[in-house]
Amino acid sequence: MTALPDVDVMMIGHFAKDKLVVDDASELAPGGAVYYGGVALRRVGVRVAVVTRLHPNDFALLDELKQDGIHVFAAAGPATSGIENIYNSADMERRICKLMAFAGPFQPEEIPDLPAKVYLITPIIAGEVDLALLKLLAARGPVGLDVQGFVRVRDDGELVFRQWPDMAEGLAHVTYLKVDRAEAELLTDQTDMRVAARQLAAYGPPGNEVVVTQSSGVTVYADGQIFEASFTPRSLAGRTGRGDTCFAAYVGKRLNASPEEASRFAAAVTTLKQEQPGPWRGTLADVNALLAQADVSEPAGE
């Protein structure tokens, strides 16, 4: 009998085959938060397990994760999920998303009986994880959740944002919540991300934390305080996967650091990630160098 590995973070979400379109030039690329976030976590020394669903013909795509030292648990789906992300190079912040395929919902029996310090639910669209599975994971330990997987829904091939009907019940079980600006505005009717973060935190259990990502950086509400850190990339060539990287880096750092330190760390990792397509494959030395540079550039007393 094979012993189960020791892991810090278990990520649950679809591995995707995405199409990236920039100014009508397209390319196929691996995607999904388990891909971008899982690789980033390994690069900073976090032990990771990925639970995913895809067509058996594409199982070989998971070798990239395994080569990075990620423990992979894959279930067979009717297809491999995929999203077409359409950008205009003049504004890599905005994109149109279209669903190409969907691997189907996770079943409880597909989640390995593997202890983890955090269970990170990171679906790419609604329908991967339901409320019952969220509750099941929360009974095992602290849960991190990217709300994208409950508010980004399929509508005649397009992916659009809709309210999450069970939000109050669902967020009551979430320790780390991630939203982007559009999702925060949808769920709270607030345009000030500090206010939105506080409002969303009110739904969660005591001590929960909210991570809000936007083009300028990350805003975190934790311990009754707001922490903010800027993204300062030299280019946006690697813009796809920004939020996935930021959330994973934040939760990974929170295993042994304060919310303030984790916010700055996640912003640094995400800054570096946005400069290169694909998952971030840098080093802790790269991150520390960027953090040191930021410390030097900050005016005294701030």
Protein backbone atom coordinates (compact mmCIF):
# COMPACT_ATOMS: atom_id res chain seq x y z
CA MET A 1 0.00 0.00 0.00
CA THR A 2 1.44 3.37 -1.06
CA ALA A 3 1.68 5.95 1.71
CA LEU A 4 -0.13 9.21 1.06
CA PRO A 5 2.15 12.22 0.66
CA ASP A 6 2.40 15.03 3.19
CA VAL A 7 1.04 18.23 1.63
CA ASP A 8 0.47 21.80 2.76
CA VAL A 9 -2.13 22.80 0.18
CA MET A 10 -4.62 20.68 -1.75
CA MET A 11 -5.92 22.47 -4.85
CA ILE A 12 -9.21 21.39 -6.42
CA GLY A 13 -10.10 22.59 -9.91
CA HIS A 14 -10.12 21.77 -13.60
CA PHE A 15 -6.87 21.66 -15.55
CA ALA A 16 -7.65 23.42 -18.82
CA LYS A 17 -6.59 23.57 -22.44
CA ASP A 18 -7.07 27.26 -23.17
CA LYS A 19 -6.86 29.33 -26.33
CA LEU A 20 -5.14 32.70 -25.92
CA VAL A 21 -6.00 35.21 -28.64
CA VAL A 22 -4.13 38.53 -28.86
CA ASP A 23 -4.91 40.78 -31.85
CA ASP A 24 -6.35 37.78 -33.73
CA ALA A 25 -3.17 35.69 -33.24
CA SER A 26 -4.03 32.56 -31.25
CA GLU A 27 -2.16 29.83 -29.41
CA LEU A 28 -3.19 26.87 -27.28
CA ALA A 29 -1.82 26.76 -23.75
CA PRO A 30 -2.37 24.83 -20.51
CA GLY A 31 -4.44 26.73 -18.00
CA GLY A 32 -6.53 26.70 -14.86
CA ALA A 33 -5.74 27.84 -11.33
CA VAL A 34 -4.38 24.40 -10.42
CA TYR A 35 -1.77 24.95 -13.15
CA TYR A 36 -0.76 28.56 -12.53
CA GLY A 37 -1.23 28.42 -8.76
CA GLY A 38 0.13 24.92 -8.24
CA VAL A 39 3.41 25.62 -10.04
CA ALA A 40 3.88 28.94 -8.23
CA LEU A 41 3.37 27.25 -4.85
CA ARG A 42 5.98 24.61 -5.63
CA ARG A 43 8.48 27.29 -6.67
CA VAL A 44 8.26 28.81 -3.20
CA GLY A 45 8.63 25.47 -1.45
CA VAL A 46 5.00 24.67 -0.60
CA ARG A 47 4.01 21.00 -0.79
CA VAL A 48 1.07 20.75 -3.18
CA ALA A 49 -1.51 18.19 -4.25
CA VAL A 50 -3.74 18.91 -7.26
CA VAL A 51 -7.14 17.25 -7.63
CA THR A 52 -8.43 17.73 -11.15
CA ARG A 53 -10.74 16.45 -13.90
CA LEU A 54 -10.06 16.13 -17.62
CA HIS A 55 -10.43 13.77 -20.57
CA PRO A 56 -8.19 10.69 -20.25
CA ASN A 57 -6.61 11.49 -23.62
CA ASP A 58 -5.12 14.59 -21.98
CA PHE A 59 -3.77 12.99 -18.81
CA ALA A 60 -0.25 13.30 -20.25
CA LEU A 61 -0.58 17.09 -19.92
CA LEU A 62 -0.38 16.60 -16.15
CA ASP A 63 3.20 15.34 -16.44
CA GLU A 64 4.33 18.97 -16.34
CA LEU A 65 2.85 19.33 -12.87
CA LYS A 66 4.36 16.04 -11.71
CA GLN A 67 7.79 17.10 -12.94
CA ASP A 68 7.50 20.12 -10.65
CA GLY A 69 6.94 17.82 -7.68
CA ILE A 70 3.17 18.26 -7.48
CA HIS A 71 1.10 15.26 -6.38
CA VAL A 72 -1.66 14.84 -8.97
CA PHE A 73 -4.99 13.08 -8.49
CA ALA A 74 -6.91 13.07 -11.79
CA ALA A 75 -10.45 11.89 -12.50
CA ALA A 76 -11.72 11.11 -15.99
CA GLY A 77 -14.12 13.66 -17.44
CA PRO A 78 -16.12 13.68 -20.69
CA ALA A 79 -13.89 16.46 -22.03
CA THR A 80 -11.02 18.70 -20.97
CA SER A 81 -12.19 22.13 -19.92
CA GLY A 82 -11.01 25.03 -22.02
CA ILE A 83 -11.59 28.77 -22.26
CA GLU A 84 -10.86 31.09 -25.15
CA ASN A 85 -9.37 34.31 -23.76
CA ILE A 86 -9.49 37.15 -26.29
CA TYR A 87 -7.32 40.22 -25.69
CA ASN A 88 -6.43 43.44 -27.47
CA SER A 89 -2.71 44.08 -26.98
CA ALA A 90 -3.39 47.76 -26.34
CA ASP A 91 -5.29 46.76 -23.20
CA MET A 92 -4.29 43.40 -21.79
CA GLU A 93 -6.44 44.13 -18.74
CA ARG A 94 -9.71 43.45 -20.54
CA ARG A 95 -10.64 40.16 -22.11
CA ILE A 96 -13.57 38.29 -23.60
CA CYS A 97 -13.96 34.73 -22.34
CA LYS A 98 -15.72 31.94 -24.22
CA LEU A 99 -16.18 28.37 -23.01
CA MET A 100 -14.82 25.72 -25.35
CA ALA A 101 -15.36 22.56 -23.25
CA PHE A 102 -16.26 21.47 -19.71
CA ALA A 103 -14.92 18.45 -17.81
CA GLY A 104 -17.94 18.10 -15.53
CA PRO A 105 -18.52 18.40 -11.78
CA PHE A 106 -16.26 16.90 -9.14
CA GLN A 107 -17.69 13.99 -7.16
CA PRO A 108 -16.96 13.57 -3.44
CA GLU A 109 -15.27 10.22 -4.04
CA GLU A 110 -12.77 11.94 -6.37
CA ILE A 111 -11.29 13.90 -3.45
CA PRO A 112 -8.46 11.83 -1.92
CA ASP A 113 -8.45 11.16 1.81
CA LEU A 114 -5.36 13.30 2.16
CA PRO A 115 -4.79 15.70 5.08
CA ALA A 116 -3.78 19.24 4.11
CA LYS A 117 -3.29 22.50 5.96
CA VAL A 118 -5.53 24.32 3.48
CA TYR A 119 -8.00 23.07 0.88
CA LEU A 120 -7.89 25.53 -2.00
CA ILE A 121 -11.02 25.37 -4.19
CA THR A 122 -10.07 27.05 -7.47
CA PRO A 123 -12.60 26.26 -10.21
CA ILE A 124 -12.45 28.10 -13.53
CA ILE A 125 -16.24 28.20 -14.00
CA ALA A 126 -19.42 27.47 -12.06
CA GLY A 127 -20.46 23.84 -11.92
CA GLU A 128 -17.14 22.27 -11.01
CA VAL A 129 -17.71 22.34 -7.24
CA ASP A 130 -21.12 22.51 -5.58
CA LEU A 131 -22.10 23.76 -2.13
CA ALA A 132 -22.20 20.22 -0.68
CA LEU A 133 -18.60 19.55 -1.70
CA LEU A 134 -17.52 22.93 -0.33
CA LYS A 135 -19.02 22.01 3.03
CA LEU A 136 -17.41 18.57 2.94
CA LEU A 137 -13.96 20.10 2.44
CA ALA A 138 -14.57 22.74 5.12
CA ALA A 139 -15.27 19.94 7.59
CA ARG A 140 -11.75 18.64 6.92
CA GLY A 141 -9.89 21.91 7.45
CA PRO A 142 -9.53 25.56 6.42
CA VAL A 143 -10.86 26.28 2.92
CA GLY A 144 -9.66 28.83 0.41
CA LEU A 145 -12.10 29.69 -2.37
CA ASP A 146 -11.85 31.57 -5.65
CA VAL A 147 -15.40 32.87 -6.04
CA GLN A 148 -14.95 32.78 -9.82
CA GLY A 149 -16.00 29.14 -9.65
CA PHE A 150 -19.44 30.13 -8.39
CA VAL A 151 -20.22 33.36 -10.26
CA ARG A 152 -18.70 32.80 -13.74
CA VAL A 153 -21.38 30.83 -15.56
CA ARG A 154 -22.03 29.52 -19.03
CA ASP A 155 -24.57 31.47 -21.06
CA ASP A 156 -24.96 30.28 -24.65
CA GLY A 157 -21.21 29.68 -25.02
CA GLU A 158 -20.19 32.95 -23.39
CA LEU A 159 -18.87 33.16 -19.83
CA VAL A 160 -20.69 35.82 -17.85
CA PHE A 161 -20.93 36.87 -14.21
CA ARG A 162 -24.07 36.05 -12.23
CA GLN A 163 -24.93 36.36 -8.56
CA TRP A 164 -24.21 33.32 -6.37
CA PRO A 165 -27.61 32.42 -4.87
CA ASP A 166 -26.06 30.46 -1.99
CA MET A 167 -23.33 33.01 -1.25
CA ALA A 168 -24.21 33.60 2.40
CA GLU A 169 -24.34 29.88 3.17
CA GLY A 170 -21.21 29.14 1.16
CA LEU A 171 -18.98 31.92 2.47
CA ALA A 172 -19.79 30.91 6.03
CA HIS A 173 -17.40 28.00 5.43
CA VAL A 174 -14.57 29.88 3.70
CA THR A 175 -11.41 30.97 5.55
CA TYR A 176 -9.61 32.56 2.55
CA LEU A 177 -11.78 34.18 -0.13
CA LYS A 178 -10.44 35.47 -3.44
CA VAL A 179 -12.34 37.86 -5.72
CA ASP A 180 -11.28 40.18 -8.50
CA ARG A 181 -12.58 43.72 -8.93
CA ALA A 182 -15.45 42.75 -11.24
CA GLU A 183 -16.57 39.96 -8.90
CA ALA A 184 -16.32 42.19 -5.83
CA GLU A 185 -18.46 44.86 -7.49
CA LEU A 186 -21.01 42.25 -8.58
CA LEU A 187 -21.34 40.73 -5.11
CA THR A 188 -21.27 43.92 -3.02
CA ASP A 189 -22.29 46.83 -5.31
CA GLN A 190 -19.15 48.58 -4.01
CA THR A 191 -16.47 50.22 -6.15
CA ASP A 192 -14.07 50.78 -3.25
CA MET A 193 -12.26 47.48 -2.87
CA ARG A 194 -11.51 48.14 0.80
CA VAL A 195 -15.21 48.48 1.52
CA ALA A 196 -16.02 45.46 -0.64
CA ALA A 197 -13.48 43.30 1.16
CA ARG A 198 -14.87 44.22 4.58
CA GLN A 199 -18.40 43.53 3.38
CA LEU A 200 -17.51 40.10 2.00
CA ALA A 201 -15.60 39.21 5.17
CA ALA A 202 -18.80 39.71 7.17
CA TYR A 203 -20.20 36.54 5.58
CA GLY A 204 -17.28 34.34 6.63
CA PRO A 205 -16.35 32.55 9.82
CA PRO A 206 -14.36 34.36 12.54
CA GLY A 207 -10.84 35.13 11.38
CA ASN A 208 -11.57 34.76 7.69
CA GLU A 209 -9.57 36.78 5.15
CA VAL A 210 -10.52 38.34 1.80
CA VAL A 211 -8.08 38.78 -1.08
CA VAL A 212 -9.09 41.19 -3.85
CA THR A 213 -7.04 41.38 -7.05
CA GLN A 214 -7.16 44.08 -9.70
CA SER A 215 -4.80 45.50 -12.31
CA SER A 216 -3.01 47.75 -9.84
CA GLY A 217 -2.38 45.20 -7.12
CA VAL A 218 -3.89 43.22 -4.24
CA THR A 219 -6.07 44.37 -1.36
CA VAL A 220 -6.40 42.09 1.67
CA TYR A 221 -8.77 42.31 4.62
CA ALA A 222 -7.50 40.33 7.61
CA ASP A 223 -7.47 40.74 11.38
CA GLY A 224 -9.78 43.75 11.05
CA GLN A 225 -7.20 45.58 8.94
CA ILE A 226 -6.64 46.42 5.27
CA PHE A 227 -3.32 45.58 3.62
CA GLU A 228 -2.47 46.70 0.10
CA ALA A 229 0.44 45.89 -2.21
CA SER A 230 1.04 47.02 -5.78
CA PHE A 231 1.85 45.05 -8.92
CA THR A 232 4.77 46.65 -10.79
CA PRO A 233 5.37 44.47 -13.89
CA ARG A 234 7.54 45.75 -16.73
CA SER A 235 5.14 44.10 -19.19
CA LEU A 236 1.83 42.22 -19.24
CA ALA A 237 2.98 39.40 -21.51
CA GLY A 238 1.98 36.92 -18.81
CA ARG A 239 -1.26 38.56 -17.72
CA THR A 240 -3.30 35.31 -17.97
CA GLY A 241 -3.13 33.52 -14.62
CA ARG A 242 -2.47 36.69 -12.63
CA GLY A 243 -5.22 36.20 -10.04
CA ASP A 244 -4.56 32.46 -9.74
CA THR A 245 -0.90 33.12 -9.00
CA CYS A 246 -1.63 35.89 -6.51
CA PHE A 247 -4.15 33.90 -4.47
CA ALA A 248 -2.00 30.78 -4.34
CA ALA A 249 1.09 32.78 -3.36
CA TYR A 250 -0.86 34.58 -0.62
CA VAL A 251 -2.29 31.41 0.91
CA GLY A 252 1.05 29.62 0.65
CA LYS A 253 2.85 32.44 2.43
CA ARG A 254 0.16 32.63 5.12
CA LEU A 255 1.22 29.19 6.29
CA ASN A 256 4.15 30.85 8.07
CA ALA A 257 3.76 34.64 7.77
CA SER A 258 1.43 37.50 8.71
CA PRO A 259 -1.29 38.80 6.36
CA GLU A 260 0.75 41.95 5.72
CA GLU A 261 3.86 39.99 4.79
CA ALA A 262 1.82 37.54 2.69
CA SER A 263 0.21 40.44 0.80
CA ARG A 264 3.57 41.94 -0.15
CA PHE A 265 4.98 38.52 -1.03
CA ALA A 266 2.00 37.64 -3.26
CA ALA A 267 2.23 41.01 -5.03
CA ALA A 268 5.93 40.44 -5.75
CA VAL A 269 5.36 36.93 -7.13
CA THR A 270 2.48 38.22 -9.26
CA THR A 271 4.53 41.12 -10.57
CA LEU A 272 7.19 38.70 -11.80
CA LYS A 273 4.60 36.28 -13.19
CA GLN A 274 2.96 38.95 -15.37
CA GLU A 275 6.21 39.58 -17.21
CA GLN A 276 6.35 36.08 -18.74
CA PRO A 277 3.64 33.85 -20.27
CA GLY A 278 2.89 30.59 -18.51
CA PRO A 279 3.16 29.77 -14.82
CA TRP A 280 5.71 31.58 -12.69
CA ARG A 281 8.91 29.54 -12.47
CA GLY A 282 11.17 31.97 -10.65
CA THR A 283 12.88 31.56 -7.32
CA LEU A 284 12.52 32.85 -3.78
CA ALA A 285 15.70 34.84 -4.43
CA ASP A 286 13.91 36.65 -7.29
CA VAL A 287 11.00 37.50 -4.99
CA ASN A 288 13.21 38.67 -2.15
CA ALA A 289 15.22 40.86 -4.53
CA LEU A 290 12.06 42.56 -5.76
CA LEU A 291 10.82 43.06 -2.18
CA ALA A 292 14.14 44.57 -1.18
CA GLN A 293 14.02 46.87 -4.19
CA ALA A 294 10.52 48.00 -3.17
CA ASP A 295 11.69 48.68 0.38
CA VAL A 296 14.50 50.89 -0.90
CA SER A 297 12.20 52.83 -3.22
CA GLU A 298 9.61 53.60 -0.52
CA PRO A 299 10.02 57.05 1.07
CA ALA A 300 11.13 57.03 4.70
CA GLY A 301 8.30 56.97 7.17
CA GLU A 302 5.79 55.27 4.85
